[in-house]
Amino acid sequence: MIASYTELDRRINELEQNFRGHEEKIQAIFEIISQLIEPPPDPSLRQIGFKSEYE
């Protein structure tokens, strides 16, 4: 039983070493995904009228 715990501990340590330094990239991916999930603006709320070149 102890041998299986040491093997599990070794594997967890390997995973930690492999993923160390990737936190910022993973966070950036989640931020991009959250931006993509946001619904687009409602087109019916678009302003009606003409825009002048001076606006």
N, C-alpha and C. Protein backbone atom coordinates (compact mmCIF):
# COMPACT_ATOMS: atom_id res chain seq x y z
N MET A 1 0.83 -1.19 0.00
CA MET A 1 0.00 0.00 0.00
C MET A 1 0.88 1.26 0.00
N ILE A 2 1.94 1.24 0.77
CA ILE A 2 2.84 2.39 0.85
C ILE A 2 3.53 2.62 -0.50
N ALA A 3 3.82 1.54 -1.20
CA ALA A 3 4.47 1.68 -2.50
C ALA A 3 3.57 2.41 -3.48
N SER A 4 2.26 2.17 -3.42
CA SER A 4 1.34 2.85 -4.33
C SER A 4 1.26 4.34 -4.00
N TYR A 5 1.36 4.69 -2.72
CA TYR A 5 1.35 6.10 -2.33
C TYR A 5 2.61 6.81 -2.80
N THR A 6 3.73 6.16 -2.69
CA THR A 6 4.97 6.79 -3.16
C THR A 6 4.94 6.96 -4.67
N GLU A 7 4.38 5.99 -5.38
CA GLU A 7 4.25 6.12 -6.84
C GLU A 7 3.31 7.27 -7.19
N LEU A 8 2.21 7.39 -6.47
CA LEU A 8 1.28 8.48 -6.69
C LEU A 8 1.94 9.82 -6.40
N ASP A 9 2.69 9.89 -5.33
CA ASP A 9 3.41 11.12 -4.98
C ASP A 9 4.41 11.48 -6.07
N ARG A 10 5.12 10.50 -6.61
CA ARG A 10 6.09 10.75 -7.67
C ARG A 10 5.39 11.29 -8.92
N ARG A 11 4.25 10.70 -9.27
CA ARG A 11 3.51 11.15 -10.46
C ARG A 11 2.97 12.56 -10.28
N ILE A 12 2.49 12.87 -9.11
CA ILE A 12 1.98 14.22 -8.85
C ILE A 12 3.12 15.23 -8.96
N ASN A 13 4.26 14.90 -8.43
CA ASN A 13 5.41 15.79 -8.53
C ASN A 13 5.84 15.99 -9.98
N GLU A 14 5.78 14.93 -10.78
CA GLU A 14 6.11 15.04 -12.21
C GLU A 14 5.13 15.99 -12.90
N LEU A 15 3.85 15.84 -12.59
CA LEU A 15 2.84 16.72 -13.20
C LEU A 15 3.07 18.17 -12.81
N GLU A 16 3.39 18.40 -11.55
CA GLU A 16 3.66 19.77 -11.10
C GLU A 16 4.85 20.36 -11.84
N GLN A 17 5.88 19.57 -12.06
CA GLN A 17 7.06 20.06 -12.77
C GLN A 17 6.73 20.35 -14.24
N ASN A 18 5.89 19.50 -14.84
CA ASN A 18 5.53 19.70 -16.26
C ASN A 18 4.67 20.94 -16.47
N PHE A 19 3.79 21.24 -15.53
CA PHE A 19 2.87 22.35 -15.71
C PHE A 19 3.36 23.65 -15.09
N ARG A 20 4.46 23.62 -14.41
CA ARG A 20 5.01 24.84 -13.82
C ARG A 20 5.41 25.80 -14.95
N GLY A 21 4.98 27.04 -14.85
CA GLY A 21 5.29 28.03 -15.88
C GLY A 21 4.20 28.18 -16.92
N HIS A 22 3.21 27.30 -16.90
CA HIS A 22 2.13 27.38 -17.88
C HIS A 22 0.89 28.09 -17.34
N GLU A 23 0.95 28.54 -16.08
CA GLU A 23 -0.22 29.14 -15.47
C GLU A 23 -0.68 30.38 -16.23
N GLU A 24 0.26 31.22 -16.65
CA GLU A 24 -0.10 32.45 -17.35
C GLU A 24 -0.75 32.14 -18.69
N LYS A 25 -0.24 31.13 -19.39
CA LYS A 25 -0.82 30.76 -20.68
C LYS A 25 -2.22 30.20 -20.51
N ILE A 26 -2.41 29.38 -19.49
CA ILE A 26 -3.73 28.81 -19.22
C ILE A 26 -4.71 29.91 -18.85
N GLN A 27 -4.28 30.86 -18.04
CA GLN A 27 -5.13 31.99 -17.67
C GLN A 27 -5.52 32.80 -18.89
N ALA A 28 -4.58 33.03 -19.80
CA ALA A 28 -4.87 33.78 -21.03
C ALA A 28 -5.89 33.04 -21.88
N ILE A 29 -5.78 31.73 -21.94
CA ILE A 29 -6.74 30.92 -22.71
C ILE A 29 -8.13 31.07 -22.12
N PHE A 30 -8.25 31.00 -20.79
CA PHE A 30 -9.55 31.13 -20.15
C PHE A 30 -10.14 32.53 -20.37
N GLU A 31 -9.30 33.56 -20.37
CA GLU A 31 -9.80 34.91 -20.62
C GLU A 31 -10.34 35.04 -22.05
N ILE A 32 -9.64 34.46 -23.01
CA ILE A 32 -10.09 34.51 -24.40
C ILE A 32 -11.39 33.74 -24.56
N ILE A 33 -11.48 32.59 -23.93
CA ILE A 33 -12.72 31.80 -24.01
C ILE A 33 -13.89 32.56 -23.40
N SER A 34 -13.67 33.23 -22.27
CA SER A 34 -14.76 33.98 -21.64
C SER A 34 -15.20 35.13 -22.53
N GLN A 35 -14.27 35.75 -23.26
CA GLN A 35 -14.65 36.81 -24.18
C GLN A 35 -15.46 36.26 -25.34
N LEU A 36 -15.13 35.06 -25.80
CA LEU A 36 -15.88 34.44 -26.89
C LEU A 36 -17.27 33.99 -26.46
N ILE A 37 -17.41 33.68 -25.18
CA ILE A 37 -18.71 33.20 -24.67
C ILE A 37 -19.70 34.35 -24.53
N GLU A 38 -19.21 35.56 -24.31
CA GLU A 38 -20.10 36.71 -24.13
C GLU A 38 -20.99 36.86 -25.37
N PRO A 39 -22.28 37.10 -25.15
CA PRO A 39 -23.17 37.25 -26.31
C PRO A 39 -22.85 38.53 -27.07
N PRO A 40 -23.06 38.51 -28.39
CA PRO A 40 -22.81 39.72 -29.17
C PRO A 40 -23.84 40.80 -28.81
N PRO A 41 -23.55 42.05 -29.07
CA PRO A 41 -24.51 43.10 -28.76
C PRO A 41 -25.78 42.91 -29.58
N ASP A 42 -26.89 43.31 -28.99
CA ASP A 42 -28.19 43.16 -29.65
C ASP A 42 -28.27 44.11 -30.84
N PRO A 43 -28.43 43.59 -32.06
CA PRO A 43 -28.45 44.47 -33.23
C PRO A 43 -29.67 45.39 -33.26
N SER A 44 -30.73 45.05 -32.54
CA SER A 44 -31.91 45.91 -32.55
C SER A 44 -31.67 47.19 -31.75
N LEU A 45 -30.62 47.25 -30.95
CA LEU A 45 -30.31 48.43 -30.16
C LEU A 45 -29.34 49.36 -30.87
N ARG A 46 -29.06 49.07 -32.12
CA ARG A 46 -28.15 49.89 -32.91
C ARG A 46 -28.75 51.26 -33.13
N GLN A 47 -27.91 52.29 -33.13
CA GLN A 47 -28.40 53.64 -33.33
C GLN A 47 -28.85 53.82 -34.79
N ILE A 48 -29.92 54.57 -34.94
CA ILE A 48 -30.47 54.84 -36.25
C ILE A 48 -30.13 56.28 -36.63
N GLY A 49 -29.81 56.50 -37.88
CA GLY A 49 -29.56 57.87 -38.32
C GLY A 49 -28.27 57.97 -39.10
N PHE A 50 -27.92 59.19 -39.38
CA PHE A 50 -26.72 59.47 -40.16
C PHE A 50 -25.61 59.92 -39.22
N LYS A 51 -24.42 59.60 -39.59
CA LYS A 51 -23.26 60.07 -38.84
C LYS A 51 -22.59 61.17 -39.68
N SER A 52 -22.28 62.24 -39.01
CA SER A 52 -21.58 63.30 -39.73
C SER A 52 -20.09 63.03 -39.65
N GLU A 53 -19.36 63.59 -40.55
CA GLU A 53 -17.92 63.39 -40.54
C GLU A 53 -17.24 64.14 -39.40
N TYR A 54 -17.98 64.99 -38.69
CA TYR A 54 -17.42 65.80 -37.61
C TYR A 54 -17.62 65.16 -36.24
N GLU A 55 -18.27 64.01 -36.17
CA GLU A 55 -18.51 63.35 -34.88
C GLU A 55 -17.29 62.65 -34.41
